[in-house]
Amino acid sequence: MMKREIAAPISLTVHAVIATIAAARADDDGAYVQNAWGVAFTPAGSPFWVANNATGCSTLYDDDGAKVALQVSIPLPPLSLTVGA
């Protein structure tokens, strides 16, 4: 029979950095965060990027979750229409 070791329980704290729902009590109201689909981190510990697809921007946050002043524009995708579908 194989012996299993059970890891000791850990505790985590959830901290809402961005939320579009007021009840989440986040640090940032996330008005520009619409259809956010990507987060990019670097091993060097630089700010992380959140891609806000619907608003055409990418927002940077520092390692504490505070918004960095730089916000980068991302071209919005062109609208497409399907005719006769």
N, C-alpha and C. Protein backbone atom coordinates (compact mmCIF):
# COMPACT_ATOMS: atom_id res chain seq x y z
N MET A 1 0.84 -1.17 0.00
CA MET A 1 0.00 0.00 0.00
C MET A 1 0.90 1.25 0.00
N MET A 2 0.51 2.22 -0.80
CA MET A 2 1.28 3.45 -0.91
C MET A 2 0.91 4.41 0.23
N LYS A 3 1.89 5.00 0.82
CA LYS A 3 1.65 5.95 1.91
C LYS A 3 1.52 7.35 1.33
N ARG A 4 0.50 8.08 1.73
CA ARG A 4 0.31 9.45 1.26
C ARG A 4 0.58 10.43 2.38
N GLU A 5 1.24 11.50 2.02
CA GLU A 5 1.42 12.57 2.99
C GLU A 5 0.40 13.65 2.70
N ILE A 6 -0.18 14.18 3.74
CA ILE A 6 -1.18 15.23 3.59
C ILE A 6 -0.53 16.55 3.96
N ALA A 7 -0.67 17.50 3.04
CA ALA A 7 -0.09 18.83 3.25
C ALA A 7 -0.85 19.56 4.35
N ALA A 8 -0.14 20.36 5.08
CA ALA A 8 -0.76 21.17 6.12
C ALA A 8 -1.67 22.21 5.47
N PRO A 9 -2.80 22.51 6.09
CA PRO A 9 -3.70 23.52 5.51
C PRO A 9 -3.03 24.89 5.47
N ILE A 10 -3.39 25.65 4.46
CA ILE A 10 -2.88 27.02 4.36
C ILE A 10 -4.05 27.98 4.39
N SER A 11 -3.79 29.21 4.68
CA SER A 11 -4.87 30.21 4.63
C SER A 11 -4.48 31.27 3.60
N LEU A 12 -5.46 31.72 2.88
CA LEU A 12 -5.26 32.74 1.85
C LEU A 12 -6.17 33.91 2.14
N THR A 13 -5.74 35.08 1.72
CA THR A 13 -6.55 36.28 1.85
C THR A 13 -6.89 36.77 0.44
N VAL A 14 -8.15 36.99 0.18
CA VAL A 14 -8.59 37.51 -1.11
C VAL A 14 -8.64 39.02 -1.02
N HIS A 15 -8.02 39.68 -2.00
CA HIS A 15 -8.01 41.15 -2.06
C HIS A 15 -8.47 41.56 -3.45
N ALA A 16 -9.63 42.18 -3.56
CA ALA A 16 -10.17 42.61 -4.86
C ALA A 16 -9.44 43.87 -5.31
N VAL A 17 -8.69 43.75 -6.40
CA VAL A 17 -7.97 44.89 -6.94
C VAL A 17 -8.87 45.70 -7.86
N ILE A 18 -9.57 45.02 -8.76
CA ILE A 18 -10.46 45.68 -9.71
C ILE A 18 -11.78 44.93 -9.71
N ALA A 19 -12.87 45.67 -9.73
CA ALA A 19 -14.19 45.04 -9.87
C ALA A 19 -15.17 46.06 -10.41
N THR A 20 -16.05 45.61 -11.27
CA THR A 20 -17.09 46.49 -11.79
C THR A 20 -18.37 46.39 -10.96
N ILE A 21 -18.33 45.58 -9.92
CA ILE A 21 -19.47 45.43 -9.02
C ILE A 21 -19.10 46.08 -7.68
N ALA A 22 -19.88 47.06 -7.27
CA ALA A 22 -19.57 47.81 -6.05
C ALA A 22 -19.48 46.92 -4.82
N ALA A 23 -20.27 45.86 -4.77
CA ALA A 23 -20.29 44.97 -3.60
C ALA A 23 -18.95 44.27 -3.38
N ALA A 24 -18.09 44.23 -4.41
CA ALA A 24 -16.79 43.57 -4.28
C ALA A 24 -15.81 44.40 -3.44
N ARG A 25 -16.11 45.67 -3.22
CA ARG A 25 -15.26 46.57 -2.43
C ARG A 25 -13.80 46.55 -2.90
N ALA A 26 -13.62 46.68 -4.19
CA ALA A 26 -12.29 46.65 -4.79
C ALA A 26 -11.60 48.00 -4.65
N ASP A 27 -10.28 48.00 -4.86
CA ASP A 27 -9.50 49.23 -4.82
C ASP A 27 -9.84 50.15 -5.99
N ASP A 28 -10.26 49.57 -7.11
CA ASP A 28 -10.50 50.31 -8.35
C ASP A 28 -11.88 49.92 -8.88
N ASP A 29 -12.65 50.90 -9.35
CA ASP A 29 -14.00 50.58 -9.83
C ASP A 29 -14.02 49.89 -11.18
N GLY A 30 -12.91 49.88 -11.89
CA GLY A 30 -12.80 49.12 -13.13
C GLY A 30 -13.68 49.61 -14.25
N ALA A 31 -13.99 50.91 -14.29
CA ALA A 31 -14.86 51.44 -15.34
C ALA A 31 -14.33 51.15 -16.74
N TYR A 32 -13.05 51.10 -16.92
CA TYR A 32 -12.42 50.85 -18.22
C TYR A 32 -12.20 49.36 -18.48
N VAL A 33 -12.42 48.52 -17.48
CA VAL A 33 -12.19 47.09 -17.61
C VAL A 33 -13.47 46.44 -18.14
N GLN A 34 -13.50 46.26 -19.45
CA GLN A 34 -14.64 45.62 -20.09
C GLN A 34 -14.11 44.54 -21.01
N ASN A 35 -14.57 43.33 -20.81
CA ASN A 35 -14.10 42.17 -21.55
C ASN A 35 -12.59 42.02 -21.42
N ALA A 36 -12.10 42.14 -20.20
CA ALA A 36 -10.66 41.98 -19.93
C ALA A 36 -10.31 40.52 -20.16
N TRP A 37 -9.44 40.26 -21.09
CA TRP A 37 -9.17 38.88 -21.48
C TRP A 37 -7.73 38.46 -21.31
N GLY A 38 -6.87 39.32 -20.87
CA GLY A 38 -5.49 38.90 -20.75
C GLY A 38 -4.76 39.62 -19.64
N VAL A 39 -3.86 38.90 -19.02
CA VAL A 39 -2.98 39.46 -18.00
C VAL A 39 -1.57 39.01 -18.34
N ALA A 40 -0.62 39.93 -18.32
CA ALA A 40 0.77 39.57 -18.62
C ALA A 40 1.67 39.98 -17.47
N PHE A 41 2.50 39.06 -17.03
CA PHE A 41 3.47 39.29 -15.95
C PHE A 41 4.87 39.11 -16.51
N THR A 42 5.85 39.69 -15.85
CA THR A 42 7.25 39.43 -16.21
C THR A 42 7.98 38.90 -14.99
N PRO A 43 8.99 38.07 -15.20
CA PRO A 43 9.74 37.54 -14.05
C PRO A 43 10.49 38.61 -13.27
N ALA A 44 10.74 39.75 -13.89
CA ALA A 44 11.51 40.81 -13.25
C ALA A 44 10.69 41.58 -12.21
N GLY A 45 9.41 41.28 -12.09
CA GLY A 45 8.59 41.96 -11.10
C GLY A 45 8.12 43.33 -11.54
N SER A 46 8.15 43.60 -12.84
CA SER A 46 7.66 44.88 -13.33
C SER A 46 6.13 44.90 -13.23
N PRO A 47 5.51 46.04 -13.50
CA PRO A 47 4.05 46.08 -13.44
C PRO A 47 3.43 45.02 -14.35
N PHE A 48 2.22 44.59 -14.01
CA PHE A 48 1.55 43.63 -14.87
C PHE A 48 0.47 44.35 -15.68
N TRP A 49 0.20 43.79 -16.85
CA TRP A 49 -0.69 44.41 -17.83
C TRP A 49 -2.02 43.66 -17.85
N VAL A 50 -3.11 44.41 -17.95
CA VAL A 50 -4.43 43.83 -18.15
C VAL A 50 -4.96 44.39 -19.46
N ALA A 51 -5.30 43.50 -20.40
CA ALA A 51 -5.84 43.91 -21.69
C ALA A 51 -7.35 44.08 -21.56
N ASN A 52 -7.82 45.29 -21.83
CA ASN A 52 -9.24 45.62 -21.74
C ASN A 52 -9.81 45.68 -23.15
N ASN A 53 -10.23 44.55 -23.65
CA ASN A 53 -10.60 44.41 -25.05
C ASN A 53 -11.67 45.39 -25.51
N ALA A 54 -12.74 45.58 -24.75
CA ALA A 54 -13.87 46.39 -25.20
C ALA A 54 -13.60 47.89 -25.13
N THR A 55 -12.63 48.32 -24.35
CA THR A 55 -12.35 49.75 -24.24
C THR A 55 -11.09 50.17 -24.98
N GLY A 56 -10.40 49.23 -25.61
CA GLY A 56 -9.25 49.55 -26.43
C GLY A 56 -8.05 50.08 -25.67
N CYS A 57 -7.78 49.52 -24.51
CA CYS A 57 -6.61 49.96 -23.75
C CYS A 57 -6.03 48.79 -22.95
N SER A 58 -4.82 48.98 -22.48
CA SER A 58 -4.19 48.04 -21.58
C SER A 58 -3.74 48.85 -20.37
N THR A 59 -4.09 48.37 -19.19
CA THR A 59 -3.80 49.09 -17.96
C THR A 59 -2.70 48.36 -17.21
N LEU A 60 -1.81 49.11 -16.60
CA LEU A 60 -0.72 48.53 -15.81
C LEU A 60 -1.02 48.66 -14.33
N TYR A 61 -0.62 47.63 -13.57
CA TYR A 61 -0.76 47.63 -12.12
C TYR A 61 0.57 47.22 -11.51
N ASP A 62 0.91 47.84 -10.37
CA ASP A 62 2.17 47.46 -9.72
C ASP A 62 1.95 46.17 -8.92
N ASP A 63 3.01 45.72 -8.25
CA ASP A 63 2.92 44.43 -7.55
C ASP A 63 1.99 44.46 -6.34
N ASP A 64 1.56 45.67 -5.92
CA ASP A 64 0.58 45.78 -4.84
C ASP A 64 -0.84 45.91 -5.38
N GLY A 65 -0.99 45.93 -6.71
CA GLY A 65 -2.30 46.06 -7.33
C GLY A 65 -2.74 47.48 -7.57
N ALA A 66 -1.87 48.45 -7.32
CA ALA A 66 -2.21 49.86 -7.56
C ALA A 66 -2.04 50.18 -9.04
N LYS A 67 -2.98 50.93 -9.58
CA LYS A 67 -2.93 51.31 -10.99
C LYS A 67 -1.75 52.23 -11.24
N VAL A 68 -0.96 51.92 -12.28
CA VAL A 68 0.16 52.75 -12.71
C VAL A 68 -0.39 53.79 -13.67
N ALA A 69 0.15 54.99 -13.66
CA ALA A 69 -0.38 56.10 -14.45
C ALA A 69 -0.40 55.83 -15.96
N LEU A 70 0.51 55.02 -16.46
CA LEU A 70 0.57 54.75 -17.90
C LEU A 70 -0.57 53.83 -18.32
N GLN A 71 -1.32 54.25 -19.34
CA GLN A 71 -2.35 53.39 -19.94
C GLN A 71 -2.08 53.39 -21.44
N VAL A 72 -2.04 52.22 -22.04
CA VAL A 72 -1.65 52.07 -23.44
C VAL A 72 -2.88 51.79 -24.29
N SER A 73 -2.99 52.49 -25.42
CA SER A 73 -4.10 52.26 -26.35
C SER A 73 -3.85 51.01 -27.17
N ILE A 74 -4.91 50.25 -27.39
CA ILE A 74 -4.88 49.07 -28.24
C ILE A 74 -5.97 49.27 -29.28
N PRO A 75 -5.65 49.14 -30.55
CA PRO A 75 -6.70 49.33 -31.56
C PRO A 75 -7.85 48.34 -31.35
N LEU A 76 -9.06 48.87 -31.40
CA LEU A 76 -10.22 48.00 -31.28
C LEU A 76 -10.39 47.21 -32.57
N PRO A 77 -10.91 46.00 -32.48
CA PRO A 77 -11.14 45.22 -33.72
C PRO A 77 -12.23 45.87 -34.53
N PRO A 78 -12.17 45.74 -35.85
CA PRO A 78 -13.23 46.33 -36.67
C PRO A 78 -14.55 45.59 -36.43
N LEU A 79 -15.64 46.33 -36.58
CA LEU A 79 -16.95 45.69 -36.45
C LEU A 79 -17.20 44.84 -37.67
N SER A 80 -17.77 43.69 -37.49
CA SER A 80 -18.10 42.86 -38.65
C SER A 80 -19.58 42.55 -38.65
N LEU A 81 -20.15 42.52 -39.80
CA LEU A 81 -21.56 42.21 -39.95
C LEU A 81 -21.70 40.95 -40.78
N THR A 82 -22.59 40.10 -40.37
CA THR A 82 -22.87 38.89 -41.15
C THR A 82 -24.18 39.09 -41.85
N VAL A 83 -24.15 39.04 -43.18
CA VAL A 83 -25.35 39.27 -43.96
C VAL A 83 -25.89 37.93 -44.44
N GLY A 84 -27.18 37.74 -44.31
CA GLY A 84 -27.83 36.53 -44.80
C GLY A 84 -27.58 35.31 -43.94
N ALA A 85 -27.29 35.49 -42.68
CA ALA A 85 -27.02 34.34 -41.81
C ALA A 85 -28.30 33.75 -41.30
